Amino acid sequence: MEVIHLEIRGRVQGVGFRWFVQREARALGLRGWVSNRPDGNVELAAGGDAHALRKLDQLARKGPPGAVVDGVAQLAPPDVDSLPIPFVIARF
């Protein structure tokens, strides 16, 4: 099982980005979370099959209609066992 941890920058809050990521991650059978950050970015951590993670990464780089992704940063990967099942929208 592999893990990704991303920070997505741009116009990604207020456009359904978290709901989009949650729906796609669950459809791909991934575990993890997505959350708005106070700085206006979105953060996501996901674990599962490598192919499914690549697909989620591609989808996150595009986002839902209305989103404008300016950049994606790779963050330190969390421990896969710390990621919730099913994939959730987290509020920290």
PDB file of N, CA and C in Angstrom:
ATOM      1  N   MET A   1       0.844  -1.173   0.000  1.00  0.00           N
ATOM      2  CA  MET A   1       0.000   0.000   0.000  1.00  0.00           C
ATOM      3  C   MET A   1       0.893   1.242   0.000  1.00  0.00           C
ATOM      4  N   GLU A   2       0.543   2.207  -0.848  1.00  0.00           N
ATOM      5  CA  GLU A   2       1.306   3.441  -0.962  1.00  0.00           C
ATOM      6  C   GLU A   2       0.503   4.608  -0.393  1.00  0.00           C
ATOM      7  N   VAL A   3       1.184   5.745  -0.207  1.00  0.00           N
ATOM      8  CA  VAL A   3       0.563   6.924   0.399  1.00  0.00           C
ATOM      9  C   VAL A   3       0.982   8.178  -0.371  1.00  0.00           C
ATOM     10  N   ILE A   4       0.045   9.120  -0.523  1.00  0.00           N
ATOM     11  CA  ILE A   4       0.381  10.453  -1.020  1.00  0.00           C
ATOM     12  C   ILE A   4      -0.121  11.478  -0.011  1.00  0.00           C
ATOM     13  N   HIS A   5       0.529  12.627   0.022  1.00  0.00           N
ATOM     14  CA  HIS A   5       0.145  13.737   0.898  1.00  0.00           C
ATOM     15  C   HIS A   5       0.417  15.005   0.102  1.00  0.00           C
ATOM     16  N   LEU A   6      -0.639  15.730  -0.245  1.00  0.00           N
ATOM     17  CA  LEU A   6      -0.530  16.864  -1.155  1.00  0.00           C
ATOM     18  C   LEU A   6      -1.110  18.139  -0.561  1.00  0.00           C
ATOM     19  N   GLU A   7      -0.532  19.265  -0.952  1.00  0.00           N
ATOM     20  CA  GLU A   7      -1.114  20.577  -0.702  1.00  0.00           C
ATOM     21  C   GLU A   7      -1.470  21.148  -2.066  1.00  0.00           C
ATOM     22  N   ILE A   8      -2.752  21.459  -2.267  1.00  0.00           N
ATOM     23  CA  ILE A   8      -3.226  21.978  -3.540  1.00  0.00           C
ATOM     24  C   ILE A   8      -3.473  23.470  -3.377  1.00  0.00           C
ATOM     25  N   ARG A   9      -2.820  24.274  -4.231  1.00  0.00           N
ATOM     26  CA  ARG A   9      -2.919  25.732  -4.147  1.00  0.00           C
ATOM     27  C   ARG A   9      -3.734  26.290  -5.306  1.00  0.00           C
ATOM     28  N   GLY A  10      -4.390  27.404  -5.045  1.00  0.00           N
ATOM     29  CA  GLY A  10      -5.165  28.081  -6.075  1.00  0.00           C
ATOM     30  C   GLY A  10      -6.542  28.415  -5.544  1.00  0.00           C
ATOM     31  N   ARG A  11      -7.500  28.519  -6.474  1.00  0.00           N
ATOM     32  CA  ARG A  11      -8.894  28.752  -6.067  1.00  0.00           C
ATOM     33  C   ARG A  11      -9.518  27.377  -5.854  1.00  0.00           C
ATOM     34  N   VAL A  12      -9.328  26.872  -4.638  1.00  0.00           N
ATOM     35  CA  VAL A  12      -9.730  25.504  -4.330  1.00  0.00           C
ATOM     36  C   VAL A  12     -10.671  25.417  -3.127  1.00  0.00           C
ATOM     37  N   GLN A  13     -11.013  26.553  -2.561  1.00  0.00           N
ATOM     38  CA  GLN A  13     -12.007  26.556  -1.485  1.00  0.00           C
ATOM     39  C   GLN A  13     -13.254  27.270  -1.995  1.00  0.00           C
ATOM     40  N   GLY A  14     -14.403  26.762  -1.577  1.00  0.00           N
ATOM     41  CA  GLY A  14     -15.668  27.357  -2.005  1.00  0.00           C
ATOM     42  C   GLY A  14     -16.120  26.913  -3.383  1.00  0.00           C
ATOM     43  N   VAL A  15     -15.496  25.871  -3.924  1.00  0.00           N
ATOM     44  CA  VAL A  15     -15.839  25.387  -5.262  1.00  0.00           C
ATOM     45  C   VAL A  15     -16.168  23.889  -5.263  1.00  0.00           C
ATOM     46  N   GLY A  16     -16.353  23.307  -4.075  1.00  0.00           N
ATOM     47  CA  GLY A  16     -16.682  21.885  -3.980  1.00  0.00           C
ATOM     48  C   GLY A  16     -15.481  20.969  -4.114  1.00  0.00           C
ATOM     49  N   PHE A  17     -14.286  21.511  -3.908  1.00  0.00           N
ATOM     50  CA  PHE A  17     -13.073  20.717  -4.093  1.00  0.00           C
ATOM     51  C   PHE A  17     -13.017  19.533  -3.144  1.00  0.00           C
ATOM     52  N   ARG A  18     -13.296  19.737  -1.862  1.00  0.00           N
ATOM     53  CA  ARG A  18     -13.223  18.631  -0.895  1.00  0.00           C
ATOM     54  C   ARG A  18     -14.231  17.537  -1.226  1.00  0.00           C
ATOM     55  N   TRP A  19     -15.443  17.915  -1.602  1.00  0.00           N
ATOM     56  CA  TRP A  19     -16.478  16.926  -1.939  1.00  0.00           C
ATOM     57  C   TRP A  19     -16.064  16.143  -3.181  1.00  0.00           C
ATOM     58  N   PHE A  20     -15.485  16.842  -4.146  1.00  0.00           N
ATOM     59  CA  PHE A  20     -14.987  16.210  -5.363  1.00  0.00           C
ATOM     60  C   PHE A  20     -13.913  15.165  -5.033  1.00  0.00           C
ATOM     61  N   VAL A  21     -12.931  15.564  -4.217  1.00  0.00           N
ATOM     62  CA  VAL A  21     -11.850  14.645  -3.850  1.00  0.00           C
ATOM     63  C   VAL A  21     -12.393  13.455  -3.072  1.00  0.00           C
ATOM     64  N   GLN A  22     -13.296  13.713  -2.132  1.00  0.00           N
ATOM     65  CA  GLN A  22     -13.859  12.611  -1.347  1.00  0.00           C
ATOM     66  C   GLN A  22     -14.583  11.615  -2.253  1.00  0.00           C
ATOM     67  N   ARG A  23     -15.420  12.109  -3.143  1.00  0.00           N
ATOM     68  CA  ARG A  23     -16.176  11.230  -4.041  1.00  0.00           C
ATOM     69  C   ARG A  23     -15.227  10.388  -4.902  1.00  0.00           C
ATOM     70  N   GLU A  24     -14.223  11.025  -5.485  1.00  0.00           N
ATOM     71  CA  GLU A  24     -13.297  10.317  -6.357  1.00  0.00           C
ATOM     72  C   GLU A  24     -12.442   9.310  -5.577  1.00  0.00           C
ATOM     73  N   ALA A  25     -11.979   9.709  -4.395  1.00  0.00           N
ATOM     74  CA  ALA A  25     -11.147   8.806  -3.582  1.00  0.00           C
ATOM     75  C   ALA A  25     -11.937   7.576  -3.162  1.00  0.00           C
ATOM     76  N   ARG A  26     -13.182   7.773  -2.761  1.00  0.00           N
ATOM     77  CA  ARG A  26     -14.010   6.619  -2.373  1.00  0.00           C
ATOM     78  C   ARG A  26     -14.266   5.713  -3.570  1.00  0.00           C
ATOM     79  N   ALA A  27     -14.531   6.304  -4.737  1.00  0.00           N
ATOM     80  CA  ALA A  27     -14.762   5.502  -5.941  1.00  0.00           C
ATOM     81  C   ALA A  27     -13.521   4.690  -6.308  1.00  0.00           C
ATOM     82  N   LEU A  28     -12.346   5.215  -5.977  1.00  0.00           N
ATOM     83  CA  LEU A  28     -11.091   4.520  -6.259  1.00  0.00           C
ATOM     84  C   LEU A  28     -10.696   3.540  -5.153  1.00  0.00           C
ATOM     85  N   GLY A  29     -11.492   3.476  -4.078  1.00  0.00           N
ATOM     86  CA  GLY A  29     -11.227   2.547  -2.990  1.00  0.00           C
ATOM     87  C   GLY A  29     -10.085   2.968  -2.076  1.00  0.00           C
ATOM     88  N   LEU A  30      -9.849   4.284  -1.986  1.00  0.00           N
ATOM     89  CA  LEU A  30      -8.750   4.784  -1.168  1.00  0.00           C
ATOM     90  C   LEU A  30      -9.209   5.134   0.242  1.00  0.00           C
ATOM     91  N   ARG A  31      -8.260   5.172   1.146  1.00  0.00           N
ATOM     92  CA  ARG A  31      -8.495   5.626   2.506  1.00  0.00           C
ATOM     93  C   ARG A  31      -7.811   6.981   2.656  1.00  0.00           C
ATOM     94  N   GLY A  32      -8.238   7.779   3.665  1.00  0.00           N
ATOM     95  CA  GLY A  32      -7.558   9.044   3.904  1.00  0.00           C
ATOM     96  C   GLY A  32      -8.502  10.181   4.204  1.00  0.00           C
ATOM     97  N   TRP A  33      -8.025  11.401   3.935  1.00  0.00           N
ATOM     98  CA  TRP A  33      -8.794  12.594   4.265  1.00  0.00           C
ATOM     99  C   TRP A  33      -8.404  13.759   3.350  1.00  0.00           C
ATOM    100  N   VAL A  34      -9.304  14.737   3.291  1.00  0.00           N
ATOM    101  CA  VAL A  34      -9.065  15.997   2.599  1.00  0.00           C
ATOM    102  C   VAL A  34      -9.583  17.103   3.508  1.00  0.00           C
ATOM    103  N   SER A  35      -8.881  18.248   3.526  1.00  0.00           N
ATOM    104  CA  SER A  35      -9.253  19.320   4.442  1.00  0.00           C
ATOM    105  C   SER A  35      -8.883  20.683   3.873  1.00  0.00           C
ATOM    106  N   ASN A  36      -9.720  21.689   4.178  1.00  0.00           N
ATOM    107  CA  ASN A  36      -9.351  23.069   3.892  1.00  0.00           C
ATOM    108  C   ASN A  36      -8.286  23.490   4.886  1.00  0.00           C
ATOM    109  N   ARG A  37      -7.336  24.283   4.416  1.00  0.00           N
ATOM    110  CA  ARG A  37      -6.319  24.849   5.295  1.00  0.00           C
ATOM    111  C   ARG A  37      -6.647  26.321   5.535  1.00  0.00           C
ATOM    112  N   PRO A  38      -6.230  26.868   6.662  1.00  0.00           N
ATOM    113  CA  PRO A  38      -6.509  28.277   6.961  1.00  0.00           C
ATOM    114  C   PRO A  38      -5.921  29.248   5.930  1.00  0.00           C
ATOM    115  N   ASP A  39      -4.881  28.825   5.216  1.00  0.00           N
ATOM    116  CA  ASP A  39      -4.243  29.704   4.228  1.00  0.00           C
ATOM    117  C   ASP A  39      -4.968  29.726   2.880  1.00  0.00           C
ATOM    118  N   GLY A  40      -6.112  29.020   2.769  1.00  0.00           N
ATOM    119  CA  GLY A  40      -6.888  29.002   1.523  1.00  0.00           C
ATOM    120  C   GLY A  40      -6.575  27.839   0.612  1.00  0.00           C
ATOM    121  N   ASN A  41      -5.603  27.028   0.974  1.00  0.00           N
ATOM    122  CA  ASN A  41      -5.258  25.851   0.188  1.00  0.00           C
ATOM    123  C   ASN A  41      -6.028  24.643   0.700  1.00  0.00           C
ATOM    124  N   VAL A  42      -5.898  23.531  -0.001  1.00  0.00           N
ATOM    125  CA  VAL A  42      -6.511  22.268   0.406  1.00  0.00           C
ATOM    126  C   VAL A  42      -5.390  21.252   0.584  1.00  0.00           C
ATOM    127  N   GLU A  43      -5.524  20.413   1.596  1.00  0.00           N
ATOM    128  CA  GLU A  43      -4.542  19.374   1.871  1.00  0.00           C
ATOM    129  C   GLU A  43      -5.238  18.024   1.804  1.00  0.00           C
ATOM    130  N   LEU A  44      -4.565  17.048   1.230  1.00  0.00           N
ATOM    131  CA  LEU A  44      -5.135  15.707   1.207  1.00  0.00           C
ATOM    132  C   LEU A  44      -4.059  14.669   1.467  1.00  0.00           C
ATOM    133  N   ALA A  45      -4.473  13.628   2.142  1.00  0.00           N
ATOM    134  CA  ALA A  45      -3.607  12.474   2.396  1.00  0.00           C
ATOM    135  C   ALA A  45      -4.423  11.242   2.043  1.00  0.00           C
ATOM    136  N   ALA A  46      -3.838  10.362   1.248  1.00  0.00           N
ATOM    137  CA  ALA A  46      -4.558   9.169   0.807  1.00  0.00           C
ATOM    138  C   ALA A  46      -3.619   7.981   0.752  1.00  0.00           C
ATOM    139  N   GLY A  47      -4.186   6.814   0.986  1.00  0.00           N
ATOM    140  CA  GLY A  47      -3.425   5.580   0.908  1.00  0.00           C
ATOM    141  C   GLY A  47      -4.202   4.520   0.162  1.00  0.00           C
ATOM    142  N   GLY A  48      -3.463   3.639  -0.519  1.00  0.00           N
ATOM    143  CA  GLY A  48      -4.097   2.547  -1.239  1.00  0.00           C
ATOM    144  C   GLY A  48      -3.244   2.081  -2.395  1.00  0.00           C
ATOM    145  N   ASP A  49      -3.900   1.520  -3.379  1.00  0.00           N
ATOM    146  CA  ASP A  49      -3.260   1.002  -4.578  1.00  0.00           C
ATOM    147  C   ASP A  49      -2.538   2.124  -5.339  1.00  0.00           C
ATOM    148  N   ALA A  50      -1.346   1.843  -5.812  1.00  0.00           N
ATOM    149  CA  ALA A  50      -0.527   2.854  -6.502  1.00  0.00           C
ATOM    150  C   ALA A  50      -1.238   3.448  -7.714  1.00  0.00           C
ATOM    151  N   HIS A  51      -1.908   2.611  -8.506  1.00  0.00           N
ATOM    152  CA  HIS A  51      -2.623   3.104  -9.693  1.00  0.00           C
ATOM    153  C   HIS A  51      -3.744   4.057  -9.285  1.00  0.00           C
ATOM    154  N   ALA A  52      -4.500   3.695  -8.252  1.00  0.00           N
ATOM    155  CA  ALA A  52      -5.596   4.545  -7.768  1.00  0.00           C
ATOM    156  C   ALA A  52      -5.059   5.864  -7.225  1.00  0.00           C
ATOM    157  N   LEU A  53      -3.920   5.826  -6.551  1.00  0.00           N
ATOM    158  CA  LEU A  53      -3.323   7.062  -6.031  1.00  0.00           C
ATOM    159  C   LEU A  53      -2.866   7.979  -7.164  1.00  0.00           C
ATOM    160  N   ARG A  54      -2.301   7.418  -8.208  1.00  0.00           N
ATOM    161  CA  ARG A  54      -1.901   8.230  -9.363  1.00  0.00           C
ATOM    162  C   ARG A  54      -3.117   8.899  -9.994  1.00  0.00           C
ATOM    163  N   LYS A  55      -4.215   8.155 -10.079  1.00  0.00           N
ATOM    164  CA  LYS A  55      -5.446   8.713 -10.646  1.00  0.00           C
ATOM    165  C   LYS A  55      -5.968   9.857  -9.773  1.00  0.00           C
ATOM    166  N   LEU A  56      -5.978   9.669  -8.450  1.00  0.00           N
ATOM    167  CA  LEU A  56      -6.436  10.736  -7.554  1.00  0.00           C
ATOM    168  C   LEU A  56      -5.520  11.950  -7.664  1.00  0.00           C
ATOM    169  N   ASP A  57      -4.223  11.734  -7.750  1.00  0.00           N
ATOM    170  CA  ASP A  57      -3.271  12.830  -7.913  1.00  0.00           C
ATOM    171  C   ASP A  57      -3.601  13.623  -9.181  1.00  0.00           C
ATOM    172  N   GLN A  58      -3.850  12.936 -10.290  1.00  0.00           N
ATOM    173  CA  GLN A  58      -4.203  13.606 -11.546  1.00  0.00           C
ATOM    174  C   GLN A  58      -5.499  14.409 -11.394  1.00  0.00           C
ATOM    175  N   LEU A  59      -6.506  13.815 -10.749  1.00  0.00           N
ATOM    176  CA  LEU A  59      -7.783  14.500 -10.560  1.00  0.00           C
ATOM    177  C   LEU A  59      -7.623  15.726  -9.670  1.00  0.00           C
ATOM    178  N   ALA A  60      -6.817  15.617  -8.622  1.00  0.00           N
ATOM    179  CA  ALA A  60      -6.603  16.748  -7.709  1.00  0.00           C
ATOM    180  C   ALA A  60      -5.879  17.891  -8.413  1.00  0.00           C
ATOM    181  N   ARG A  61      -5.034  17.586  -9.358  1.00  0.00           N
ATOM    182  CA  ARG A  61      -4.309  18.625 -10.090  1.00  0.00           C
ATOM    183  C   ARG A  61      -5.216  19.387 -11.046  1.00  0.00           C
ATOM    184  N   LYS A  62      -6.357  18.816 -11.378  1.00  0.00           N
ATOM    185  CA  LYS A  62      -7.343  19.499 -12.226  1.00  0.00           C
ATOM    186  C   LYS A  62      -8.458  20.095 -11.378  1.00  0.00           C
ATOM    187  N   GLY A  63      -8.997  19.328 -10.448  1.00  0.00           N
ATOM    188  CA  GLY A  63     -10.080  19.793  -9.588  1.00  0.00           C
ATOM    189  C   GLY A  63     -11.423  19.757 -10.286  1.00  0.00           C
ATOM    190  N   PRO A  64     -12.473  20.109  -9.546  1.00  0.00           N
ATOM    191  CA  PRO A  64     -13.814  20.131 -10.120  1.00  0.00           C
ATOM    192  C   PRO A  64     -14.025  21.394 -10.951  1.00  0.00           C
ATOM    193  N   PRO A  65     -15.130  21.461 -11.703  1.00  0.00           N
ATOM    194  CA  PRO A  65     -15.440  22.702 -12.423  1.00  0.00           C
ATOM    195  C   PRO A  65     -15.498  23.864 -11.432  1.00  0.00           C
ATOM    196  N   GLY A  66     -14.913  24.977 -11.808  1.00  0.00           N
ATOM    197  CA  GLY A  66     -14.893  26.148 -10.932  1.00  0.00           C
ATOM    198  C   GLY A  66     -13.604  26.287 -10.149  1.00  0.00           C
ATOM    199  N   ALA A  67     -12.847  25.216 -10.011  1.00  0.00           N
ATOM    200  CA  ALA A  67     -11.569  25.280  -9.304  1.00  0.00           C
ATOM    201  C   ALA A  67     -10.477  25.726 -10.276  1.00  0.00           C
ATOM    202  N   VAL A  68      -9.489  26.412  -9.720  1.00  0.00           N
ATOM    203  CA  VAL A  68      -8.309  26.787 -10.485  1.00  0.00           C
ATOM    204  C   VAL A  68      -7.105  26.351  -9.661  1.00  0.00           C
ATOM    205  N   VAL A  69      -6.445  25.292 -10.093  1.00  0.00           N
ATOM    206  CA  VAL A  69      -5.287  24.764  -9.373  1.00  0.00           C
ATOM    207  C   VAL A  69      -4.040  25.449  -9.927  1.00  0.00           C
ATOM    208  N   ASP A  70      -3.361  26.207  -9.042  1.00  0.00           N
ATOM    209  CA  ASP A  70      -2.138  26.911  -9.427  1.00  0.00           C
ATOM    210  C   ASP A  70      -0.886  26.096  -9.165  1.00  0.00           C
ATOM    211  N   GLY A  71      -0.975  25.126  -8.250  1.00  0.00           N
ATOM    212  CA  GLY A  71       0.194  24.324  -7.940  1.00  0.00           C
ATOM    213  C   GLY A  71      -0.135  23.233  -6.950  1.00  0.00           C
ATOM    214  N   VAL A  72       0.692  22.215  -6.948  1.00  0.00           N
ATOM    215  CA  VAL A  72       0.546  21.086  -6.022  1.00  0.00           C
ATOM    216  C   VAL A  72       1.914  20.793  -5.428  1.00  0.00           C
ATOM    217  N   ALA A  73       1.966  20.742  -4.104  1.00  0.00           N
ATOM    218  CA  ALA A  73       3.216  20.419  -3.408  1.00  0.00           C
ATOM    219  C   ALA A  73       3.094  19.058  -2.744  1.00  0.00           C
ATOM    220  N   GLN A  74       4.156  18.292  -2.836  1.00  0.00           N
ATOM    221  CA  GLN A  74       4.225  17.004  -2.144  1.00  0.00           C
ATOM    222  C   GLN A  74       4.642  17.278  -0.702  1.00  0.00           C
ATOM    223  N   LEU A  75       3.921  16.709   0.246  1.00  0.00           N
ATOM    224  CA  LEU A  75       4.248  16.829   1.662  1.00  0.00           C
ATOM    225  C   LEU A  75       4.745  15.482   2.171  1.00  0.00           C
ATOM    226  N   ALA A  76       5.330  15.483   3.354  1.00  0.00           N
ATOM    227  CA  ALA A  76       5.810  14.234   3.942  1.00  0.00           C
ATOM    228  C   ALA A  76       4.650  13.262   4.112  1.00  0.00           C
ATOM    229  N   PRO A  77       4.805  12.035   3.638  1.00  0.00           N
ATOM    230  CA  PRO A  77       3.694  11.079   3.712  1.00  0.00           C
ATOM    231  C   PRO A  77       3.422  10.636   5.149  1.00  0.00           C
ATOM    232  N   PRO A  78       2.139  10.567   5.518  1.00  0.00           N
ATOM    233  CA  PRO A  78       1.788  10.072   6.846  1.00  0.00           C
ATOM    234  C   PRO A  78       1.853   8.546   6.880  1.00  0.00           C
ATOM    235  N   ASP A  79       1.773   8.008   8.061  1.00  0.00           N
ATOM    236  CA  ASP A  79       1.705   6.555   8.232  1.00  0.00           C
ATOM    237  C   ASP A  79       0.358   6.083   7.680  1.00  0.00           C
ATOM    238  N   VAL A  80       0.375   5.106   6.818  1.00  0.00           N
ATOM    239  CA  VAL A  80      -0.860   4.626   6.186  1.00  0.00           C
ATOM    240  C   VAL A  80      -1.891   4.176   7.219  1.00  0.00           C
ATOM    241  N   ASP A  81      -1.444   3.615   8.334  1.00  0.00           N
ATOM    242  CA  ASP A  81      -2.382   3.138   9.352  1.00  0.00           C
ATOM    243  C   ASP A  81      -3.120   4.269  10.062  1.00  0.00           C
ATOM    244  N   SER A  82      -2.624   5.511   9.919  1.00  0.00           N
ATOM    245  CA  SER A  82      -3.293   6.653  10.542  1.00  0.00           C
ATOM    246  C   SER A  82      -4.414   7.213   9.672  1.00  0.00           C
ATOM    247  N   LEU A  83      -4.540   6.728   8.442  1.00  0.00           N
ATOM    248  CA  LEU A  83      -5.538   7.252   7.508  1.00  0.00           C
ATOM    249  C   LEU A  83      -6.890   6.553   7.709  1.00  0.00           C
ATOM    250  N   PRO A  84      -7.960   7.344   7.826  1.00  0.00           N
ATOM    251  CA  PRO A  84      -9.272   6.743   8.081  1.00  0.00           C
ATOM    252  C   PRO A  84      -9.848   6.005   6.874  1.00  0.00           C
ATOM    253  N   ILE A  85     -10.684   5.042   7.194  1.00  0.00           N
ATOM    254  CA  ILE A  85     -11.469   4.300   6.204  1.00  0.00           C
ATOM    255  C   ILE A  85     -12.933   4.497   6.595  1.00  0.00           C
ATOM    256  N   PRO A  86     -13.801   4.940   5.700  1.00  0.00           N
ATOM    257  CA  PRO A  86     -13.554   5.369   4.334  1.00  0.00           C
ATOM    258  C   PRO A  86     -12.920   6.761   4.298  1.00  0.00           C
ATOM    259  N   PHE A  87     -12.579   7.202   3.121  1.00  0.00           N
ATOM    260  CA  PHE A  87     -12.008   8.534   2.893  1.00  0.00           C
ATOM    261  C   PHE A  87     -13.001   9.588   3.381  1.00  0.00           C
ATOM    262  N   VAL A  88     -12.505  10.568   4.137  1.00  0.00           N
ATOM    263  CA  VAL A  88     -13.396  11.555   4.773  1.00  0.00           C
ATOM    264  C   VAL A  88     -12.951  12.993   4.480  1.00  0.00           C
ATOM    265  N   ILE A  89     -13.884  13.905   4.689  1.00  0.00           N
ATOM    266  CA  ILE A  89     -13.574  15.328   4.742  1.00  0.00           C
ATOM    267  C   ILE A  89     -13.266  15.638   6.195  1.00  0.00           C
ATOM    268  N   ALA A  90     -12.050  16.069   6.459  1.00  0.00           N
ATOM    269  CA  ALA A  90     -11.609  16.328   7.832  1.00  0.00           C
ATOM    270  C   ALA A  90     -11.692  17.819   8.131  1.00  0.00           C
ATOM    271  N   ARG A  91     -11.968  18.119   9.367  1.00  0.00           N
ATOM    272  CA  ARG A  91     -11.977  19.498   9.841  1.00  0.00           C
ATOM    273  C   ARG A  91     -11.041  19.574  11.027  1.00  0.00           C
ATOM    274  N   PHE A  92      -9.879  20.186  10.816  1.00  0.00           N
ATOM    275  CA  PHE A  92      -8.868  20.257  11.868  1.00  0.00           C
ATOM    276  C   PHE A  92      -8.980  21.577  12.605  1.00  0.00           C
TER     277      PHE A  92
END
